[in-house]
Amino acid sequence: MTNAELDKLWFRAQHDAIKAGENFTRYRFAAFVAAAQREKVAHWMRSMGYATGHGDAIEDLLDHLGTQIAEGLLMERAACADICDQHASIEGIAQRCAAEIRARNK
């Protein structure tokens, strides 16, 4: 985050704390920063075509993203192995390649 973004969140936290009669602005500020970072990660995930799930924390979002990436890798490897099978030859090179690709999924 930029200093300007942090300043904006700090002033917002101060304003809300004063309005609520609280003395602990830093807790509001920390919550605003966490929410802004979480939204930044969620925005990136959506822009890259990933679902954000129902995560309330950055860790939840990243865990969900990791699962989606792993599933995508499995699908990509299966597709690559299928292409190798389609180009099978008598020498068996393509079949060995396909077997090696499939073995990566285990």
Protein backbone atom coordinates (compact mmCIF):
# COMPACT_ATOMS: atom_id res chain seq x y z
CA MET A 1 0.00 0.00 0.00
CA THR A 2 1.11 3.53 -0.65
CA ASN A 3 1.60 6.09 2.09
CA ALA A 4 -1.37 8.01 0.72
CA GLU A 5 -3.60 4.93 1.01
CA LEU A 6 -2.39 4.32 4.56
CA ASP A 7 -3.00 7.96 5.49
CA LYS A 8 -6.53 7.75 4.12
CA LEU A 9 -7.22 4.62 6.18
CA TRP A 10 -5.69 6.22 9.29
CA PHE A 11 -7.88 9.33 8.98
CA ARG A 12 -10.92 7.13 8.42
CA ALA A 13 -10.04 5.08 11.53
CA GLN A 14 -9.57 8.26 13.57
CA HIS A 15 -12.88 9.66 12.37
CA ASP A 16 -14.78 6.46 13.15
CA ALA A 17 -13.11 6.09 16.57
CA ILE A 18 -13.93 9.67 17.56
CA LYS A 19 -17.49 9.26 16.34
CA ALA A 20 -17.83 6.07 18.42
CA GLY A 21 -16.13 7.63 21.46
CA GLU A 22 -13.25 5.14 21.36
CA ASN A 23 -9.64 5.76 22.34
CA PHE A 24 -8.14 2.85 20.38
CA THR A 25 -7.82 4.12 16.84
CA ARG A 26 -5.02 1.65 16.02
CA TYR A 27 -7.41 -1.33 16.20
CA ARG A 28 -9.77 0.24 13.69
CA PHE A 29 -6.80 1.17 11.54
CA ALA A 30 -5.48 -2.40 11.62
CA ALA A 31 -8.91 -3.72 10.63
CA PHE A 32 -9.15 -1.25 7.74
CA VAL A 33 -5.67 -2.19 6.48
CA ALA A 34 -6.47 -5.92 6.70
CA ALA A 35 -9.74 -5.41 4.82
CA ALA A 36 -8.01 -3.36 2.11
CA GLN A 37 -5.31 -6.01 1.65
CA ARG A 38 -7.91 -8.79 1.58
CA GLU A 39 -9.88 -6.90 -1.07
CA LYS A 40 -6.71 -6.38 -3.12
CA VAL A 41 -6.03 -10.15 -3.12
CA ALA A 42 -9.68 -10.93 -3.90
CA HIS A 43 -9.68 -8.42 -6.77
CA TRP A 44 -6.54 -9.99 -8.26
CA MET A 45 -8.05 -13.48 -7.96
CA ARG A 46 -11.24 -12.38 -9.73
CA SER A 47 -9.27 -10.58 -12.46
CA MET A 48 -7.30 -13.78 -13.12
CA GLY A 49 -10.49 -15.85 -13.35
CA TYR A 50 -10.29 -17.50 -9.94
CA ALA A 51 -13.19 -17.75 -7.52
CA THR A 52 -12.68 -16.14 -4.12
CA GLY A 53 -14.79 -18.58 -2.10
CA HIS A 54 -16.10 -17.37 1.21
CA GLY A 55 -12.81 -16.47 2.90
CA ASP A 56 -12.80 -13.84 5.60
CA ALA A 57 -9.01 -13.61 5.76
CA ILE A 58 -6.19 -13.40 3.25
CA GLU A 59 -5.10 -16.86 4.39
CA ASP A 60 -8.54 -18.23 3.43
CA LEU A 61 -8.33 -16.61 0.00
CA LEU A 62 -4.82 -17.95 -0.61
CA ASP A 63 -5.81 -21.44 0.56
CA HIS A 64 -8.75 -21.41 -1.86
CA LEU A 65 -6.48 -20.13 -4.63
CA GLY A 66 -3.94 -22.89 -3.96
CA THR A 67 -6.66 -25.51 -4.30
CA GLN A 68 -7.83 -24.04 -7.61
CA ILE A 69 -4.28 -23.90 -8.96
CA ALA A 70 -3.63 -27.52 -7.96
CA GLU A 71 -6.84 -28.62 -9.67
CA GLY A 72 -5.86 -26.65 -12.78
CA LEU A 73 -2.45 -28.33 -12.87
CA LEU A 74 -4.06 -31.77 -12.70
CA MET A 75 -6.35 -30.90 -15.59
CA GLU A 76 -3.48 -29.45 -17.65
CA ARG A 77 -1.31 -32.51 -17.11
CA ALA A 78 -4.17 -34.79 -18.14
CA ALA A 79 -4.67 -32.73 -21.30
CA CYS A 80 -0.94 -32.90 -22.12
CA ALA A 81 -0.89 -36.66 -21.60
CA ASP A 82 -3.91 -37.02 -23.89
CA ILE A 83 -2.10 -35.08 -26.62
CA CYS A 84 0.90 -37.40 -26.27
CA ASP A 85 -1.42 -40.40 -26.60
CA GLN A 86 -2.89 -38.94 -29.78
CA HIS A 87 0.59 -38.78 -31.30
CA ALA A 88 1.62 -42.27 -30.26
CA SER A 89 4.24 -43.95 -32.37
CA ILE A 90 5.64 -47.42 -32.78
CA GLU A 91 8.75 -46.47 -30.81
CA GLY A 92 6.60 -45.70 -27.77
CA ILE A 93 8.16 -42.30 -27.06
CA ALA A 94 4.84 -40.49 -26.87
CA GLN A 95 3.40 -43.21 -24.63
CA ARG A 96 6.36 -42.87 -22.26
CA CYS A 97 5.90 -39.09 -22.21
CA ALA A 98 2.21 -39.52 -21.42
CA ALA A 99 3.04 -41.96 -18.62
CA GLU A 100 5.60 -39.54 -17.16
CA ILE A 101 3.12 -36.66 -17.24
CA ARG A 102 0.44 -38.76 -15.53
CA ALA A 103 2.96 -39.91 -12.91
CA ARG A 104 3.39 -36.25 -11.83
CA ASN A 105 -0.22 -36.27 -10.60
CA LYS A 106 0.55 -38.93 -7.99
